[in-house]
Amino acid sequence: MREVTAVVAGWDAAVEAQIRSAQERGEFDNLPGAGKPIPGRGLPYDESWWIKSFLERERIPGDLLLPTPLQLRRRVERLPDEVRDLPTEESVRATVSALNQEIVDFLRSPSGPRVVVRPVNAEEIVRRWREERERAAAERVATAEAADRTTVTVGAPRRRWRLPWRRH
């Protein structure tokens, strides 16, 4: 037992000597984060702190950690916002078709929790997309008309320029 204690004490002394010599050489000077508080200090312990910090550091969305059926449900919920800015009806239908294909592939061999996921009705999404575009176009026209009505020319009447080589 004394031999183990002596080895540990010798090891500690060697490590402390290396740290002391590195401090004397200035290897610990100007390190990033020097003088700043330790992040997360004072917060309760979280077992998955390293996963959260990795996702935040690498800017990976948390949705990627969800099981497949929940990812598909989220994509179905976000589909109207996703297709809102698409330029043509064909591109909307292609996006819906790609999502429906993923859903059908999942339904053929389900994995993960049992969550109801159904294919999306393409006609309904296209109808909403058309209504949204018509509403946006009507708002643009109304805004342009309101801007035309508010523009008033004040001042001297416009002067007609005559071209010198034309007869009057």
N, C-alpha and C. Protein backbone atom coordinates (compact mmCIF):
# COMPACT_ATOMS: atom_id res chain seq x y z
N MET A 1 0.82 -1.18 0.00
CA MET A 1 0.00 0.00 0.00
C MET A 1 0.87 1.26 0.00
N ARG A 2 1.95 1.20 0.75
CA ARG A 2 2.85 2.34 0.79
C ARG A 2 3.50 2.58 -0.57
N GLU A 3 3.75 1.47 -1.29
CA GLU A 3 4.38 1.61 -2.60
C GLU A 3 3.45 2.33 -3.58
N VAL A 4 2.16 1.99 -3.52
CA VAL A 4 1.18 2.64 -4.39
C VAL A 4 1.08 4.12 -4.05
N THR A 5 1.05 4.44 -2.79
CA THR A 5 0.97 5.83 -2.37
C THR A 5 2.21 6.59 -2.81
N ALA A 6 3.35 5.96 -2.73
CA ALA A 6 4.59 6.61 -3.15
C ALA A 6 4.59 6.85 -4.65
N VAL A 7 4.08 5.89 -5.44
CA VAL A 7 4.02 6.05 -6.90
C VAL A 7 3.07 7.18 -7.26
N VAL A 8 1.90 7.22 -6.61
CA VAL A 8 0.92 8.28 -6.88
C VAL A 8 1.49 9.63 -6.50
N ALA A 9 2.16 9.70 -5.35
CA ALA A 9 2.76 10.96 -4.91
C ALA A 9 3.85 11.39 -5.88
N GLY A 10 4.64 10.44 -6.35
CA GLY A 10 5.68 10.76 -7.33
C GLY A 10 5.08 11.24 -8.65
N TRP A 11 4.00 10.61 -9.06
CA TRP A 11 3.30 11.00 -10.29
C TRP A 11 2.74 12.42 -10.15
N ASP A 12 2.09 12.70 -9.03
CA ASP A 12 1.55 14.04 -8.79
C ASP A 12 2.65 15.08 -8.82
N ALA A 13 3.76 14.76 -8.22
CA ALA A 13 4.88 15.70 -8.18
C ALA A 13 5.41 15.96 -9.58
N ALA A 14 5.48 14.92 -10.41
CA ALA A 14 5.98 15.10 -11.77
C ALA A 14 5.02 15.96 -12.59
N VAL A 15 3.73 15.73 -12.43
CA VAL A 15 2.72 16.51 -13.16
C VAL A 15 2.77 17.96 -12.71
N GLU A 16 2.84 18.18 -11.39
CA GLU A 16 2.90 19.55 -10.86
C GLU A 16 4.16 20.26 -11.36
N ALA A 17 5.26 19.54 -11.48
CA ALA A 17 6.50 20.14 -11.97
C ALA A 17 6.35 20.55 -13.43
N GLN A 18 5.70 19.74 -14.26
CA GLN A 18 5.48 20.09 -15.67
C GLN A 18 4.57 21.30 -15.78
N ILE A 19 3.51 21.36 -14.96
CA ILE A 19 2.60 22.51 -15.00
C ILE A 19 3.34 23.77 -14.58
N ARG A 20 4.13 23.69 -13.53
CA ARG A 20 4.87 24.84 -13.04
C ARG A 20 5.85 25.35 -14.11
N SER A 21 6.56 24.43 -14.77
CA SER A 21 7.51 24.87 -15.80
C SER A 21 6.79 25.47 -17.01
N ALA A 22 5.60 24.95 -17.36
CA ALA A 22 4.83 25.53 -18.48
C ALA A 22 4.33 26.92 -18.11
N GLN A 23 3.96 27.13 -16.85
CA GLN A 23 3.55 28.46 -16.41
C GLN A 23 4.71 29.44 -16.48
N GLU A 24 5.87 28.99 -16.10
CA GLU A 24 7.05 29.86 -16.15
C GLU A 24 7.40 30.23 -17.58
N ARG A 25 7.21 29.31 -18.51
CA ARG A 25 7.49 29.60 -19.93
C ARG A 25 6.39 30.47 -20.54
N GLY A 26 5.25 30.62 -19.87
CA GLY A 26 4.17 31.48 -20.37
C GLY A 26 3.23 30.78 -21.34
N GLU A 27 3.17 29.45 -21.30
CA GLU A 27 2.31 28.72 -22.22
C GLU A 27 0.84 28.84 -21.89
N PHE A 28 0.52 29.29 -20.67
CA PHE A 28 -0.88 29.45 -20.28
C PHE A 28 -1.34 30.89 -20.40
N ASP A 29 -0.47 31.78 -20.87
CA ASP A 29 -0.83 33.19 -21.03
C ASP A 29 -1.66 33.37 -22.30
N ASN A 30 -2.62 34.28 -22.24
CA ASN A 30 -3.45 34.67 -23.39
C ASN A 30 -4.22 33.50 -24.02
N LEU A 31 -4.67 32.59 -23.22
CA LEU A 31 -5.52 31.51 -23.74
C LEU A 31 -6.92 32.04 -23.97
N PRO A 32 -7.65 31.53 -24.99
CA PRO A 32 -9.03 31.99 -25.18
C PRO A 32 -9.88 31.62 -23.98
N GLY A 33 -10.67 32.58 -23.51
CA GLY A 33 -11.53 32.34 -22.36
C GLY A 33 -10.87 32.64 -21.04
N ALA A 34 -9.62 33.10 -21.06
CA ALA A 34 -8.92 33.41 -19.81
C ALA A 34 -9.60 34.59 -19.13
N GLY A 35 -9.87 34.44 -17.86
CA GLY A 35 -10.51 35.51 -17.10
C GLY A 35 -12.01 35.56 -17.24
N LYS A 36 -12.59 34.66 -18.02
CA LYS A 36 -14.04 34.63 -18.20
C LYS A 36 -14.63 33.53 -17.33
N PRO A 37 -15.89 33.70 -16.91
CA PRO A 37 -16.49 32.65 -16.08
C PRO A 37 -16.71 31.37 -16.88
N ILE A 38 -16.72 30.26 -16.19
CA ILE A 38 -16.93 28.97 -16.82
C ILE A 38 -18.39 28.87 -17.23
N PRO A 39 -18.69 28.58 -18.52
CA PRO A 39 -20.09 28.53 -18.95
C PRO A 39 -20.83 27.39 -18.26
N GLY A 40 -22.06 27.67 -17.85
CA GLY A 40 -22.89 26.65 -17.23
C GLY A 40 -22.64 26.48 -15.75
N ARG A 41 -21.72 27.25 -15.20
CA ARG A 41 -21.42 27.14 -13.77
C ARG A 41 -22.61 27.67 -12.99
N GLY A 42 -23.06 26.93 -12.03
CA GLY A 42 -24.20 27.35 -11.22
C GLY A 42 -25.51 26.77 -11.72
N LEU A 43 -25.51 26.15 -12.89
CA LEU A 43 -26.72 25.52 -13.42
C LEU A 43 -26.77 24.06 -12.96
N PRO A 44 -27.98 23.49 -12.88
CA PRO A 44 -28.05 22.07 -12.49
C PRO A 44 -27.40 21.19 -13.56
N TYR A 45 -26.90 20.03 -13.13
CA TYR A 45 -26.20 19.12 -14.04
C TYR A 45 -27.17 18.55 -15.07
N ASP A 46 -26.74 18.54 -16.32
CA ASP A 46 -27.53 18.00 -17.42
C ASP A 46 -26.71 16.89 -18.06
N GLU A 47 -27.26 15.68 -18.10
CA GLU A 47 -26.52 14.54 -18.63
C GLU A 47 -26.19 14.67 -20.11
N SER A 48 -27.01 15.39 -20.84
CA SER A 48 -26.79 15.51 -22.28
C SER A 48 -26.20 16.86 -22.65
N TRP A 49 -25.40 17.45 -21.76
CA TRP A 49 -24.82 18.76 -22.02
C TRP A 49 -23.92 18.73 -23.25
N TRP A 50 -23.20 17.64 -23.45
CA TRP A 50 -22.26 17.59 -24.57
C TRP A 50 -23.00 17.49 -25.90
N ILE A 51 -24.16 16.81 -25.92
CA ILE A 51 -24.94 16.74 -27.17
C ILE A 51 -25.47 18.12 -27.51
N LYS A 52 -26.03 18.80 -26.51
CA LYS A 52 -26.57 20.14 -26.74
C LYS A 52 -25.49 21.12 -27.19
N SER A 53 -24.33 21.04 -26.57
CA SER A 53 -23.25 21.95 -26.97
C SER A 53 -22.76 21.64 -28.37
N PHE A 54 -22.72 20.34 -28.74
CA PHE A 54 -22.31 19.96 -30.09
C PHE A 54 -23.30 20.49 -31.13
N LEU A 55 -24.60 20.33 -30.87
CA LEU A 55 -25.62 20.80 -31.80
C LEU A 55 -25.55 22.32 -31.96
N GLU A 56 -25.33 23.02 -30.85
CA GLU A 56 -25.25 24.47 -30.90
C GLU A 56 -23.99 24.93 -31.63
N ARG A 57 -22.86 24.28 -31.33
CA ARG A 57 -21.59 24.67 -31.94
C ARG A 57 -21.58 24.41 -33.44
N GLU A 58 -22.13 23.28 -33.87
CA GLU A 58 -22.12 22.91 -35.28
C GLU A 58 -23.35 23.42 -36.03
N ARG A 59 -24.25 24.09 -35.31
CA ARG A 59 -25.49 24.66 -35.88
C ARG A 59 -26.32 23.58 -36.59
N ILE A 60 -26.49 22.46 -35.91
CA ILE A 60 -27.29 21.36 -36.43
C ILE A 60 -28.69 21.48 -35.83
N PRO A 61 -29.74 21.45 -36.65
CA PRO A 61 -31.09 21.56 -36.08
C PRO A 61 -31.41 20.35 -35.20
N GLY A 62 -32.14 20.60 -34.14
CA GLY A 62 -32.50 19.55 -33.21
C GLY A 62 -33.47 18.54 -33.80
N ASP A 63 -34.14 18.90 -34.89
CA ASP A 63 -35.09 17.98 -35.53
C ASP A 63 -34.42 16.71 -36.04
N LEU A 64 -33.12 16.78 -36.32
CA LEU A 64 -32.43 15.61 -36.85
C LEU A 64 -32.33 14.48 -35.83
N LEU A 65 -32.52 14.80 -34.56
CA LEU A 65 -32.46 13.79 -33.52
C LEU A 65 -33.79 13.07 -33.33
N LEU A 66 -34.84 13.60 -33.93
CA LEU A 66 -36.16 12.99 -33.78
C LEU A 66 -36.25 11.70 -34.58
N PRO A 67 -37.12 10.76 -34.15
CA PRO A 67 -37.34 9.56 -34.96
C PRO A 67 -38.02 9.93 -36.28
N THR A 68 -37.91 9.05 -37.24
CA THR A 68 -38.41 9.30 -38.60
C THR A 68 -39.87 9.72 -38.65
N PRO A 69 -40.80 9.04 -37.96
CA PRO A 69 -42.20 9.48 -38.08
C PRO A 69 -42.43 10.90 -37.57
N LEU A 70 -41.72 11.30 -36.53
CA LEU A 70 -41.89 12.66 -36.03
C LEU A 70 -41.26 13.68 -36.98
N GLN A 71 -40.15 13.31 -37.62
CA GLN A 71 -39.57 14.21 -38.62
C GLN A 71 -40.54 14.41 -39.78
N LEU A 72 -41.18 13.32 -40.22
CA LEU A 72 -42.14 13.42 -41.32
C LEU A 72 -43.34 14.27 -40.92
N ARG A 73 -43.84 14.11 -39.68
CA ARG A 73 -44.96 14.92 -39.22
C ARG A 73 -44.59 16.40 -39.22
N ARG A 74 -43.39 16.71 -38.78
CA ARG A 74 -42.95 18.11 -38.77
C ARG A 74 -42.87 18.66 -40.19
N ARG A 75 -42.37 17.85 -41.12
CA ARG A 75 -42.28 18.31 -42.51
C ARG A 75 -43.66 18.54 -43.10
N VAL A 76 -44.64 17.69 -42.75
CA VAL A 76 -46.01 17.87 -43.22
C VAL A 76 -46.58 19.18 -42.65
N GLU A 77 -46.30 19.47 -41.38
CA GLU A 77 -46.79 20.70 -40.77
C GLU A 77 -46.17 21.93 -41.43
N ARG A 78 -44.92 21.84 -41.81
CA ARG A 78 -44.21 22.99 -42.39
C ARG A 78 -44.37 23.10 -43.90
N LEU A 79 -45.05 22.17 -44.51
CA LEU A 79 -45.17 22.15 -45.98
C LEU A 79 -45.80 23.42 -46.55
N PRO A 80 -46.90 23.95 -46.00
CA PRO A 80 -47.46 25.18 -46.59
C PRO A 80 -46.46 26.34 -46.59
N ASP A 81 -45.67 26.48 -45.54
CA ASP A 81 -44.66 27.54 -45.51
C ASP A 81 -43.54 27.27 -46.51
N GLU A 82 -43.23 25.99 -46.70
CA GLU A 82 -42.15 25.60 -47.61
C GLU A 82 -42.51 25.88 -49.06
N VAL A 83 -43.77 25.64 -49.44
CA VAL A 83 -44.17 25.82 -50.84
C VAL A 83 -44.65 27.23 -51.15
N ARG A 84 -44.79 28.07 -50.13
CA ARG A 84 -45.35 29.42 -50.33
C ARG A 84 -44.56 30.22 -51.36
N ASP A 85 -43.25 30.12 -51.35
CA ASP A 85 -42.42 30.94 -52.23
C ASP A 85 -42.03 30.25 -53.54
N LEU A 86 -42.54 29.05 -53.78
CA LEU A 86 -42.21 28.37 -55.02
C LEU A 86 -42.89 29.07 -56.20
N PRO A 87 -42.21 29.14 -57.36
CA PRO A 87 -42.72 29.95 -58.46
C PRO A 87 -43.84 29.32 -59.27
N THR A 88 -43.86 27.98 -59.41
CA THR A 88 -44.84 27.36 -60.30
C THR A 88 -45.60 26.26 -59.58
N GLU A 89 -46.75 25.93 -60.17
CA GLU A 89 -47.57 24.85 -59.62
C GLU A 89 -46.84 23.51 -59.75
N GLU A 90 -46.08 23.34 -60.82
CA GLU A 90 -45.33 22.09 -61.01
C GLU A 90 -44.30 21.89 -59.90
N SER A 91 -43.65 22.96 -59.49
CA SER A 91 -42.66 22.84 -58.41
C SER A 91 -43.34 22.51 -57.09
N VAL A 92 -44.54 23.04 -56.87
CA VAL A 92 -45.30 22.71 -55.66
C VAL A 92 -45.66 21.23 -55.68
N ARG A 93 -46.17 20.78 -56.82
CA ARG A 93 -46.55 19.36 -56.93
C ARG A 93 -45.33 18.45 -56.77
N ALA A 94 -44.18 18.85 -57.30
CA ALA A 94 -42.96 18.04 -57.17
C ALA A 94 -42.52 17.95 -55.70
N THR A 95 -42.62 19.06 -54.97
CA THR A 95 -42.25 19.06 -53.55
C THR A 95 -43.18 18.15 -52.76
N VAL A 96 -44.48 18.25 -53.02
CA VAL A 96 -45.45 17.41 -52.32
C VAL A 96 -45.24 15.94 -52.69
N SER A 97 -44.96 15.69 -53.94
CA SER A 97 -44.72 14.31 -54.38
C SER A 97 -43.49 13.71 -53.71
N ALA A 98 -42.43 14.49 -53.58
CA ALA A 98 -41.22 13.99 -52.92
C ALA A 98 -41.49 13.66 -51.45
N LEU A 99 -42.25 14.52 -50.78
CA LEU A 99 -42.59 14.26 -49.38
C LEU A 99 -43.48 13.03 -49.27
N ASN A 100 -44.46 12.91 -50.16
CA ASN A 100 -45.34 11.74 -50.14
C ASN A 100 -44.56 10.45 -50.39
N GLN A 101 -43.56 10.50 -51.25
CA GLN A 101 -42.75 9.32 -51.51
C GLN A 101 -41.98 8.90 -50.25
N GLU A 102 -41.44 9.89 -49.51
CA GLU A 102 -40.75 9.58 -48.25
C GLU A 102 -41.72 8.96 -47.24
N ILE A 103 -42.95 9.49 -47.18
CA ILE A 103 -43.94 8.96 -46.25
C ILE A 103 -44.30 7.52 -46.62
N VAL A 104 -44.50 7.26 -47.91
CA VAL A 104 -44.85 5.91 -48.36
C VAL A 104 -43.71 4.94 -48.07
N ASP A 105 -42.47 5.38 -48.29
CA ASP A 105 -41.32 4.53 -47.99
C ASP A 105 -41.27 4.19 -46.50
N PHE A 106 -41.57 5.17 -45.66
CA PHE A 106 -41.60 4.90 -44.22
C PHE A 106 -42.73 3.93 -43.87
N LEU A 107 -43.89 4.12 -44.47
CA LEU A 107 -45.04 3.27 -44.14
C LEU A 107 -44.81 1.82 -44.57
N ARG A 108 -44.00 1.61 -45.59
CA ARG A 108 -43.70 0.24 -46.03
C ARG A 108 -42.85 -0.51 -45.01
N SER A 109 -41.94 0.19 -44.35
CA SER A 109 -41.13 -0.45 -43.31
C SER A 109 -41.00 0.52 -42.14
N PRO A 110 -42.03 0.60 -41.30
CA PRO A 110 -42.01 1.57 -40.19
C PRO A 110 -40.96 1.23 -39.14
N SER A 111 -40.44 2.26 -38.52
CA SER A 111 -39.49 2.09 -37.43
C SER A 111 -39.74 3.23 -36.44
N GLY A 112 -39.34 3.03 -35.22
CA GLY A 112 -39.52 4.07 -34.22
C GLY A 112 -40.89 4.01 -33.59
N PRO A 113 -41.29 5.08 -32.93
CA PRO A 113 -42.58 5.08 -32.24
C PRO A 113 -43.74 5.03 -33.23
N ARG A 114 -44.86 4.54 -32.74
CA ARG A 114 -46.05 4.45 -33.60
C ARG A 114 -46.75 5.80 -33.63
N VAL A 115 -46.51 6.51 -34.68
CA VAL A 115 -47.10 7.83 -34.89
C VAL A 115 -47.80 7.79 -36.24
N VAL A 116 -49.04 8.29 -36.27
CA VAL A 116 -49.80 8.28 -37.51
C VAL A 116 -49.23 9.32 -38.46
N VAL A 117 -48.82 8.86 -39.64
CA VAL A 117 -48.32 9.74 -40.68
C VAL A 117 -49.01 9.33 -41.97
N ARG A 118 -49.70 10.27 -42.58
CA ARG A 118 -50.42 9.97 -43.83
C ARG A 118 -49.86 10.82 -44.95
N PRO A 119 -49.93 10.32 -46.18
CA PRO A 119 -49.51 11.15 -47.32
C PRO A 119 -50.35 12.42 -47.41
N VAL A 120 -49.75 13.44 -47.97
CA VAL A 120 -50.37 14.76 -48.08
C VAL A 120 -51.22 14.82 -49.34
N ASN A 121 -52.37 15.48 -49.26
CA ASN A 121 -53.25 15.69 -50.41
C ASN A 121 -52.65 16.80 -51.26
N ALA A 122 -52.13 16.47 -52.41
CA ALA A 122 -51.46 17.45 -53.27
C ALA A 122 -52.42 18.52 -53.76
N GLU A 123 -53.66 18.12 -54.07
CA GLU A 123 -54.64 19.10 -54.57
C GLU A 123 -54.95 20.16 -53.51
N GLU A 124 -55.03 19.76 -52.26
CA GLU A 124 -55.30 20.71 -51.18
C GLU A 124 -54.14 21.70 -51.02
N ILE A 125 -52.91 21.21 -51.09
CA ILE A 125 -51.75 22.08 -50.97
C ILE A 125 -51.67 23.05 -52.15
N VAL A 126 -51.96 22.56 -53.36
CA VAL A 126 -51.95 23.43 -54.55
C VAL A 126 -53.06 24.48 -54.44
N ARG A 127 -54.24 24.09 -53.94
CA ARG A 127 -55.34 25.05 -53.77
C ARG A 127 -54.94 26.15 -52.79
N ARG A 128 -54.34 25.77 -51.66
CA ARG A 128 -53.88 26.78 -50.69
C ARG A 128 -52.81 27.68 -51.29
N TRP A 129 -51.89 27.07 -52.08
CA TRP A 129 -50.82 27.84 -52.70
C TRP A 129 -51.40 28.88 -53.65
N ARG A 130 -52.41 28.48 -54.47
CA ARG A 130 -53.06 29.43 -55.39
C ARG A 130 -53.74 30.56 -54.62
N GLU A 131 -54.49 30.21 -53.57
CA GLU A 131 -55.18 31.23 -52.78
C GLU A 131 -54.18 32.21 -52.18
N GLU A 132 -53.09 31.70 -51.69
CA GLU A 132 -52.06 32.56 -51.09
C GLU A 132 -51.46 33.51 -52.13
N ARG A 133 -51.20 32.99 -53.31
CA ARG A 133 -50.65 33.84 -54.38
C ARG A 133 -51.65 34.89 -54.83
N GLU A 134 -52.94 34.49 -54.95
CA GLU A 134 -53.97 35.47 -55.36
C GLU A 134 -54.13 36.55 -54.30
N ARG A 135 -54.09 36.16 -53.03
CA ARG A 135 -54.20 37.14 -51.96
C ARG A 135 -53.02 38.09 -51.97
N ALA A 136 -51.81 37.57 -52.18
CA ALA A 136 -50.61 38.41 -52.23
C ALA A 136 -50.65 39.36 -53.42
N ALA A 137 -51.14 38.86 -54.57
CA ALA A 137 -51.25 39.71 -55.76
C ALA A 137 -52.27 40.82 -55.53
N ALA A 138 -53.41 40.48 -54.91
CA ALA A 138 -54.42 41.50 -54.63
C ALA A 138 -53.88 42.56 -53.68
N GLU A 139 -53.09 42.14 -52.69
CA GLU A 139 -52.50 43.11 -51.76
C GLU A 139 -51.50 44.02 -52.48
N ARG A 140 -50.72 43.44 -53.41
CA ARG A 140 -49.77 44.27 -54.16
C ARG A 140 -50.50 45.29 -55.02
N VAL A 141 -51.59 44.87 -55.67
CA VAL A 141 -52.36 45.79 -56.51
C VAL A 141 -52.97 46.89 -55.65
N ALA A 142 -53.54 46.52 -54.50
CA ALA A 142 -54.15 47.52 -53.63
C ALA A 142 -53.10 48.50 -53.11
N THR A 143 -51.93 48.01 -52.78
CA THR A 143 -50.87 48.88 -52.30
C THR A 143 -50.41 49.82 -53.42
N ALA A 144 -50.30 49.31 -54.63
CA ALA A 144 -49.88 50.16 -55.76
C ALA A 144 -50.93 51.22 -56.05
N GLU A 145 -52.22 50.84 -56.01
CA GLU A 145 -53.28 51.82 -56.25
C GLU A 145 -53.29 52.88 -55.17
N ALA A 146 -53.09 52.49 -53.93
CA ALA A 146 -53.07 53.46 -52.84
C ALA A 146 -51.88 54.39 -52.99
N ALA A 147 -50.76 53.87 -53.44
CA ALA A 147 -49.58 54.72 -53.66
C ALA A 147 -49.82 55.68 -54.81
N ASP A 148 -50.52 55.25 -55.87
CA ASP A 148 -50.82 56.13 -57.00
C ASP A 148 -51.76 57.25 -56.57
N ARG A 149 -52.74 56.94 -55.73
CA ARG A 149 -53.68 57.96 -55.28
C ARG A 149 -53.02 58.99 -54.37
N THR A 150 -52.06 58.58 -53.61
CA THR A 150 -51.42 59.51 -52.68
C THR A 150 -50.35 60.37 -53.35
N THR A 151 -49.91 59.99 -54.55
CA THR A 151 -48.90 60.79 -55.25
C THR A 151 -49.59 61.96 -55.93
N VAL A 152 -49.27 63.13 -55.49
CA VAL A 152 -49.85 64.34 -56.07
C VAL A 152 -48.69 65.24 -56.45
N THR A 153 -48.77 65.77 -57.68
CA THR A 153 -47.72 66.68 -58.13
C THR A 153 -48.09 68.08 -57.70
N VAL A 154 -47.22 68.69 -56.98
CA VAL A 154 -47.45 70.05 -56.51
C VAL A 154 -46.36 70.91 -57.12
N GLY A 155 -46.76 72.10 -57.58
CA GLY A 155 -45.74 73.00 -58.13
C GLY A 155 -46.18 73.51 -59.49
N ALA A 156 -45.22 74.00 -60.23
CA ALA A 156 -45.48 74.59 -61.55
C ALA A 156 -45.89 73.51 -62.53
N PRO A 157 -46.72 73.90 -63.52
CA PRO A 157 -47.10 72.92 -64.54
C PRO A 157 -45.87 72.50 -65.34
N ARG A 158 -45.95 71.32 -65.88
CA ARG A 158 -44.82 70.81 -66.65
C ARG A 158 -44.62 71.64 -67.90
N ARG A 159 -43.42 71.86 -68.23
CA ARG A 159 -43.06 72.64 -69.40
C ARG A 159 -42.85 71.71 -70.58
N ARG A 160 -43.39 72.09 -71.70
CA ARG A 160 -43.22 71.28 -72.90
C ARG A 160 -41.96 71.70 -73.61
N TRP A 161 -41.17 70.75 -73.90
CA TRP A 161 -39.94 71.02 -74.61
C TRP A 161 -40.18 70.90 -76.10
N ARG A 162 -39.65 71.83 -76.82
CA ARG A 162 -39.78 71.79 -78.27
C ARG A 162 -38.43 71.44 -78.87
N LEU A 163 -38.51 70.61 -79.83
CA LEU A 163 -37.28 70.28 -80.54
C LEU A 163 -37.03 71.36 -81.58
N PRO A 164 -35.82 71.87 -81.68
CA PRO A 164 -35.54 73.02 -82.54
C PRO A 164 -35.73 72.73 -84.02
N TRP A 165 -35.61 71.54 -84.46
CA TRP A 165 -35.70 71.26 -85.91
C TRP A 165 -37.11 70.95 -86.36
N ARG A 166 -38.06 70.89 -85.44
CA ARG A 166 -39.45 70.62 -85.82
C ARG A 166 -40.20 71.93 -86.00
N ARG A 167 -41.08 71.94 -86.98
CA ARG A 167 -41.89 73.12 -87.22
C ARG A 167 -43.14 73.07 -86.36
N HIS A 168 -43.61 74.25 -86.05
CA HIS A 168 -44.81 74.32 -85.22
C HIS A 168 -45.97 74.84 -85.98
